[in-house]
């Protein structure tokens, strides 16, 4: 992790008011896929980690029974709350919480996250995914900066001084080790993608979903 939680929180609080307008087409495409794959049922509780200004949480509000958003940035949470009030989303709540300490002890049928996990080191990403698994959600949908191949140092999609993306293979291993069966891998950009895991428990995972060390799927996932 190249910055502390406090440093990341302060950085995002400064840009909260303009954050939505600064999002790239890849970010928006990734968010759309996270929303699509989350597919909550009408009585589901959705936990959105790294909720930011609430883009995913608020988009899922009309499809779920309840949505809980967590973030470390006070400024981003204030923006999310403003949007929640404007949209009159009474089934959405926002509050402070991190990946490894979400400050939420209720049920979570679906867990989502978009463009947030890449701020953590690979070891801390694994710990965060294990925290998600502790909720035993039916589905975990992660949209993020991730490497599908060797990153181009001349055209990085991320900021090397503050971000620490992982390869798809590293993330896939973390999913399966935590008990998620990886059911979908979507590439939005060579450095941006979406992973979908269904909770299986006990760290078991279907053989056709295994990933090679280089991040390329060995099985039939597309």
Protein backbone atom coordinates (compact mmCIF):
# COMPACT_ATOMS: atom_id res chain seq x y z
CA UNK A 1 0.00 0.00 0.00
CA UNK A 2 1.69 3.17 -1.21
CA UNK A 3 -0.39 5.56 0.89
CA UNK A 4 -2.09 5.21 4.27
CA UNK A 5 -5.88 5.09 4.56
CA UNK A 6 -5.77 8.60 5.98
CA UNK A 7 -3.78 9.91 3.01
CA UNK A 8 -6.13 8.25 0.52
CA UNK A 9 -9.17 9.57 2.42
CA UNK A 10 -7.83 13.13 2.36
CA UNK A 11 -6.94 12.91 -1.34
CA UNK A 12 -10.42 11.74 -2.32
CA UNK A 13 -12.16 14.21 -0.03
CA UNK A 14 -10.41 17.02 -1.92
CA UNK A 15 -11.73 15.81 -5.26
CA UNK A 16 -15.19 14.62 -4.11
CA UNK A 17 -17.14 17.50 -5.65
CA UNK A 18 -15.72 16.96 -9.12
CA UNK A 19 -15.15 13.21 -8.95
CA UNK A 20 -18.20 12.13 -10.99
CA UNK A 21 -17.41 14.56 -13.80
CA UNK A 22 -13.80 13.38 -14.03
CA UNK A 23 -14.55 9.69 -14.56
CA UNK A 24 -13.18 8.07 -17.72
CA UNK A 25 -15.22 6.03 -20.24
CA UNK A 26 -13.43 2.92 -18.93
CA UNK A 27 -14.52 3.71 -15.39
CA UNK A 28 -18.12 4.16 -16.47
CA UNK A 29 -18.06 0.95 -18.52
CA UNK A 30 -16.64 -0.89 -15.54
CA UNK A 31 -19.33 0.53 -13.24
CA UNK A 32 -22.05 -0.53 -15.68
CA UNK A 33 -20.70 -4.09 -15.67
CA UNK A 34 -20.55 -4.18 -11.87
CA UNK A 35 -24.19 -3.06 -11.71
CA UNK A 36 -25.18 -5.60 -14.36
CA UNK A 37 -23.44 -8.52 -12.68
CA UNK A 38 -24.57 -7.60 -9.17
CA UNK A 39 -28.17 -8.32 -10.17
CA UNK A 40 -29.61 -8.19 -6.63
CA UNK A 41 -32.96 -9.71 -5.81
CA UNK A 42 -35.74 -7.48 -4.45
CA UNK A 43 -35.10 -8.56 -0.85
CA UNK A 44 -31.28 -8.63 -1.02
CA UNK A 45 -28.93 -6.56 1.09
CA UNK A 46 -26.06 -5.14 -0.99
CA UNK A 47 -22.81 -4.06 0.65
CA UNK A 48 -20.82 -1.63 -1.53
CA UNK A 49 -17.22 -1.23 -0.36
CA UNK A 50 -15.23 1.80 -1.45
CA UNK A 51 -18.59 3.32 -2.38
CA UNK A 52 -17.14 6.75 -3.21
CA UNK A 53 -19.91 9.11 -4.26
CA UNK A 54 -22.38 6.24 -4.28
CA UNK A 55 -22.56 5.52 -8.00
CA UNK A 56 -22.96 1.74 -7.60
CA UNK A 57 -24.96 1.86 -4.39
CA UNK A 58 -27.54 4.30 -5.71
CA UNK A 59 -27.84 2.54 -9.05
CA UNK A 60 -28.72 -0.69 -7.24
CA UNK A 61 -31.16 0.91 -4.80
CA UNK A 62 -34.26 0.29 -6.90
CA UNK A 63 -33.35 -3.37 -7.42
CA UNK A 64 -32.41 -4.39 -3.87
CA UNK A 65 -34.13 -4.44 -0.52
CA UNK A 66 -31.36 -2.46 1.14
CA UNK A 67 -27.96 -1.04 0.15
CA UNK A 68 -25.12 -0.24 2.54
CA UNK A 69 -22.22 1.89 1.28
CA UNK A 70 -18.87 2.17 3.04
CA UNK A 71 -15.92 4.45 2.33
CA UNK A 72 -12.94 5.98 4.15
CA UNK A 73 -13.36 9.47 2.67
CA UNK A 74 -15.62 11.88 4.54
CA UNK A 75 -15.89 14.13 1.50
CA UNK A 76 -16.95 11.30 -0.80
CA UNK A 77 -19.52 10.11 1.74
CA UNK A 78 -20.95 13.63 1.99
CA UNK A 79 -21.36 13.70 -1.79
CA UNK A 80 -22.97 10.25 -1.73
CA UNK A 81 -25.38 11.36 0.99
CA UNK A 82 -26.30 14.48 -0.99
CA UNK A 83 -27.13 12.34 -4.01
CA UNK A 84 -29.07 9.89 -1.85
CA UNK A 85 -31.24 12.69 -0.49
CA UNK A 86 -31.82 14.16 -3.96
CA UNK A 87 -32.93 10.76 -5.24
CA UNK A 88 -34.99 9.98 -2.11
CA UNK A 89 -33.37 6.56 -1.77
CA UNK A 90 -34.71 5.59 1.65
CA UNK A 91 -33.24 2.08 1.48
CA UNK A 92 -29.62 3.26 1.16
CA UNK A 93 -27.30 4.13 4.03
CA UNK A 94 -23.72 5.40 3.87
CA UNK A 95 -21.04 5.33 6.54
CA UNK A 96 -17.33 5.17 7.27
CA UNK A 97 -15.63 1.85 6.71
CA UNK A 98 -12.69 0.25 4.96
CA UNK A 99 -12.20 -3.03 3.13
CA UNK A 100 -10.65 -4.72 6.11
CA UNK A 101 -12.89 -2.99 8.67
CA UNK A 102 -16.23 -2.29 6.98
CA UNK A 103 -17.94 -1.34 10.26
CA UNK A 104 -20.96 -3.37 9.25
CA UNK A 105 -22.11 -6.52 11.02
CA UNK A 106 -25.37 -7.23 9.22
CA UNK A 107 -26.13 -9.60 6.35
CA UNK A 108 -24.77 -9.08 2.84
CA UNK A 109 -26.29 -11.08 0.00
CA UNK A 110 -24.27 -9.25 -2.66
CA UNK A 111 -20.99 -7.38 -2.20
CA UNK A 112 -19.78 -4.91 -4.81
CA UNK A 113 -16.76 -2.66 -5.25
CA UNK A 114 -15.61 -0.50 -8.12
CA UNK A 115 -12.21 1.21 -8.61
CA UNK A 116 -11.09 1.06 -4.99
CA UNK A 117 -9.27 -2.19 -4.16
CA UNK A 118 -6.26 -1.29 -6.31
CA UNK A 119 -5.10 1.17 -3.65
CA UNK A 120 -4.11 -1.78 -1.44
CA UNK A 121 -1.03 -3.99 -1.68
CA UNK A 122 -1.57 -7.51 -2.98
CA UNK A 123 -1.37 -8.90 0.57
CA UNK A 124 -3.95 -6.43 1.82
CA UNK A 125 -6.17 -7.12 -1.21
CA UNK A 126 -6.19 -10.77 -0.20
CA UNK A 127 -7.10 -9.82 3.38
CA UNK A 128 -9.91 -7.60 2.10
CA UNK A 129 -11.35 -10.37 -0.07
CA UNK A 130 -11.25 -12.71 2.94
CA UNK A 131 -13.25 -10.12 4.90
CA UNK A 132 -15.82 -10.10 2.09
CA UNK A 133 -15.97 -13.91 2.24
CA UNK A 134 -16.73 -13.75 5.97
CA UNK A 135 -20.13 -12.30 5.06
CA UNK A 136 -20.77 -15.42 2.91
CA UNK A 137 -22.46 -13.35 0.18
CA UNK A 138 -24.11 -15.09 -2.71
CA UNK A 139 -22.06 -12.96 -5.09
CA UNK A 140 -19.04 -10.67 -5.03
CA UNK A 141 -18.52 -8.32 -7.98
CA UNK A 142 -15.22 -6.46 -8.24
CA UNK A 143 -14.54 -3.81 -10.86
CA UNK A 144 -11.05 -2.39 -10.70
CA UNK A 145 -7.75 -1.52 -12.26
CA UNK A 146 -6.08 -4.89 -12.94
CA UNK A 147 -3.50 -6.20 -15.37
CA UNK A 148 -4.56 -8.62 -18.11
CA UNK A 149 -1.00 -8.63 -19.43
CA UNK A 150 2.18 -6.67 -19.00
CA UNK A 151 1.27 -3.02 -18.26
CA UNK A 152 2.57 -0.48 -20.73
CA UNK A 153 4.86 1.82 -18.71
CA UNK A 154 4.34 4.53 -21.31
CA UNK A 155 0.55 4.47 -20.96
CA UNK A 156 -0.42 3.42 -17.46
CA UNK A 157 -4.14 3.64 -16.74
CA UNK A 158 -3.34 4.22 -13.08
CA UNK A 159 -1.14 6.58 -11.03
CA UNK A 160 1.99 4.62 -10.08
CA UNK A 161 2.74 6.89 -7.13
CA UNK A 162 -0.55 6.15 -5.34
CA UNK A 163 -2.01 3.00 -6.93
CA UNK A 164 -0.92 -0.62 -6.65
CA UNK A 165 -2.95 -2.76 -9.12
CA UNK A 166 -2.67 -6.55 -9.22
CA UNK A 167 -2.71 -8.98 -12.12
CA UNK A 168 -5.95 -10.78 -12.89
CA UNK A 169 -4.25 -13.99 -11.81
CA UNK A 170 -3.41 -12.64 -8.35
CA UNK A 171 -6.98 -11.46 -7.85
CA UNK A 172 -8.44 -14.72 -9.16
CA UNK A 173 -6.28 -16.71 -6.74
CA UNK A 174 -7.44 -14.50 -3.87
CA UNK A 175 -11.07 -15.06 -4.87
CA UNK A 176 -10.77 -18.83 -5.02
CA UNK A 177 -8.67 -19.12 -1.87
CA UNK A 178 -11.37 -17.18 -0.02
CA UNK A 179 -14.06 -19.60 -1.21
CA UNK A 180 -15.44 -17.84 -4.30
CA UNK A 181 -16.05 -19.68 -7.55
CA UNK A 182 -15.00 -17.28 -10.29
CA UNK A 183 -17.91 -17.19 -12.75
CA UNK A 184 -17.08 -14.24 -14.99
CA UNK A 185 -14.07 -12.21 -16.09
CA UNK A 186 -14.77 -9.08 -18.14
CA UNK A 187 -11.95 -7.09 -19.75
CA UNK A 188 -12.85 -3.44 -20.27
CA UNK A 189 -9.28 -2.34 -21.05
CA UNK A 190 -5.90 -4.11 -20.82
CA UNK A 191 -5.63 -2.56 -17.36
CA UNK A 192 -9.31 -2.53 -16.28
CA UNK A 193 -11.71 -5.38 -15.66
CA UNK A 194 -14.50 -6.98 -13.65
CA UNK A 195 -14.39 -10.24 -11.71
CA UNK A 196 -17.51 -12.02 -10.48
CA UNK A 197 -17.40 -14.67 -7.77
CA UNK A 198 -20.14 -16.89 -6.39
CA UNK A 199 -19.55 -17.94 -2.80
CA UNK A 200 -18.82 -21.65 -2.53
CA UNK A 201 -17.14 -21.78 0.87
CA UNK A 202 -14.29 -23.99 2.12
CA UNK A 203 -11.92 -22.54 -0.50
CA UNK A 204 -13.22 -25.01 -3.10
CA UNK A 205 -13.41 -24.01 -6.72
CA UNK A 206 -14.45 -25.73 -9.92
CA UNK A 207 -11.51 -27.02 -11.92
CA UNK A 208 -12.55 -25.27 -15.13
CA UNK A 209 -12.16 -21.88 -13.44
CA UNK A 210 -8.49 -22.16 -12.51
CA UNK A 211 -6.13 -19.41 -13.53
CA UNK A 212 -2.55 -19.63 -14.65
CA UNK A 213 0.13 -17.49 -13.04
CA UNK A 214 0.17 -15.12 -16.01
CA UNK A 215 -3.49 -14.24 -15.43
CA UNK A 216 -4.85 -15.98 -18.52
CA UNK A 217 -7.79 -18.31 -17.90
CA UNK A 218 -7.05 -22.03 -18.22
CA UNK A 219 -10.67 -22.98 -18.52
CA UNK A 220 -13.77 -21.81 -20.29
CA UNK A 221 -14.33 -18.44 -18.62
CA UNK A 222 -14.87 -15.65 -21.10
